[in-house]
Amino acid sequence: MVQTACRMGTSELDFVLRQLQERKGGWPQIEKDTGMPYSWLSKLARGLIDDPGVKKIEKLARYFRLLEKQEAERAGLCAEPRQAVA
């Protein structure tokens, strides 16, 4: 499911947890792309990590926002308006 990257008022951790749930079958690719171990991603998603660390959450949030942007561009949702040719 493609969602907008506008998440005003939502914490980074909530955003990351939601993305992990939505992309559950894609965790091996997330592991490969981010260097975060699959087991750690799984534990985070299941709420087993009390303090995941700001840097790790920020890294995952940046990664997921980039994915959202790429998905939106592929779906034509972020296309730049074309100017009329005079």
Protein backbone atom coordinates (compact mmCIF):
# COMPACT_ATOMS: atom_id res chain seq x y z
CA MET A 1 0.00 0.00 0.00
CA VAL A 2 1.39 3.38 -1.00
CA GLN A 3 0.94 6.12 1.57
CA THR A 4 1.93 9.74 1.48
CA ALA A 5 5.15 10.79 3.15
CA CYS A 6 3.30 13.58 4.99
CA ARG A 7 3.12 12.37 8.56
CA MET A 8 2.83 15.50 10.65
CA GLY A 9 2.57 14.72 14.36
CA THR A 10 3.50 11.04 14.03
CA SER A 11 6.60 9.89 15.82
CA GLU A 12 9.44 8.34 13.89
CA LEU A 13 9.14 5.11 15.87
CA ASP A 14 5.42 4.78 15.11
CA PHE A 15 6.13 5.41 11.44
CA VAL A 16 8.88 2.77 11.36
CA LEU A 17 6.75 0.20 13.19
CA ARG A 18 3.86 0.75 10.80
CA GLN A 19 6.16 0.42 7.79
CA LEU A 20 7.62 -2.83 9.15
CA GLN A 21 4.13 -4.29 9.53
CA GLU A 22 3.07 -3.16 6.05
CA ARG A 23 6.26 -4.56 4.50
CA LYS A 24 6.51 -7.76 6.55
CA GLY A 25 7.34 -10.00 3.59
CA GLY A 26 10.06 -7.59 2.51
CA TRP A 27 12.22 -7.71 5.63
CA PRO A 28 15.05 -9.63 3.92
CA GLN A 29 15.36 -6.75 1.42
CA ILE A 30 15.14 -4.17 4.21
CA GLU A 31 17.94 -6.05 5.99
CA LYS A 32 20.03 -6.02 2.83
CA ASP A 33 19.38 -2.34 2.06
CA THR A 34 19.86 -0.98 5.59
CA GLY A 35 22.30 -3.39 7.20
CA MET A 36 19.88 -3.91 10.08
CA PRO A 37 19.76 -7.62 11.00
CA TYR A 38 16.50 -9.43 10.20
CA SER A 39 16.28 -10.69 13.78
CA TRP A 40 16.53 -7.12 15.10
CA LEU A 41 13.83 -5.91 12.68
CA SER A 42 11.60 -8.78 13.80
CA LYS A 43 12.14 -8.03 17.49
CA LEU A 44 11.47 -4.33 16.92
CA ALA A 45 8.24 -5.07 15.05
CA ARG A 46 7.07 -7.38 17.86
CA GLY A 47 7.80 -4.78 20.54
CA LEU A 48 10.64 -6.72 22.11
CA ILE A 49 13.17 -3.88 21.98
CA ASP A 50 12.55 -1.30 24.69
CA ASP A 51 15.13 1.23 23.48
CA PRO A 52 15.94 0.71 19.78
CA GLY A 53 18.15 3.79 19.57
CA VAL A 54 17.48 7.07 17.85
CA LYS A 55 20.06 6.59 15.09
CA LYS A 56 18.65 3.20 14.06
CA ILE A 57 15.07 4.50 13.99
CA GLU A 58 16.11 7.60 12.04
CA LYS A 59 17.99 5.43 9.54
CA LEU A 60 14.95 3.18 9.03
CA ALA A 61 12.61 6.19 8.78
CA ARG A 62 14.80 7.75 6.06
CA TYR A 63 14.88 4.43 4.23
CA PHE A 64 11.08 3.99 4.37
CA ARG A 65 10.44 7.59 3.30
CA LEU A 66 12.71 7.08 0.31
CA LEU A 67 10.81 3.89 -0.56
CA GLU A 68 7.49 5.72 -0.28
CA LYS A 69 8.75 8.48 -2.55
CA GLN A 70 9.97 5.97 -5.13
CA GLU A 71 6.67 4.06 -4.99
CA ALA A 72 4.68 7.27 -5.38
CA GLU A 73 6.81 8.34 -8.35
CA ARG A 74 6.31 4.95 -10.01
CA ALA A 75 2.57 5.25 -9.43
CA GLY A 76 2.59 8.76 -10.94
CA LEU A 77 1.49 10.40 -7.69
CA CYS A 78 4.39 12.83 -7.47
CA ALA A 79 4.81 13.74 -11.09
CA GLU A 80 5.85 17.33 -11.66
CA PRO A 81 3.14 19.36 -13.38
CA ARG A 82 3.94 19.77 -17.04
CA GLN A 83 3.99 23.23 -18.47
CA ALA A 84 2.11 23.98 -21.64
CA VAL A 85 4.27 24.42 -24.70
CA ALA A 86 3.69 27.85 -26.23
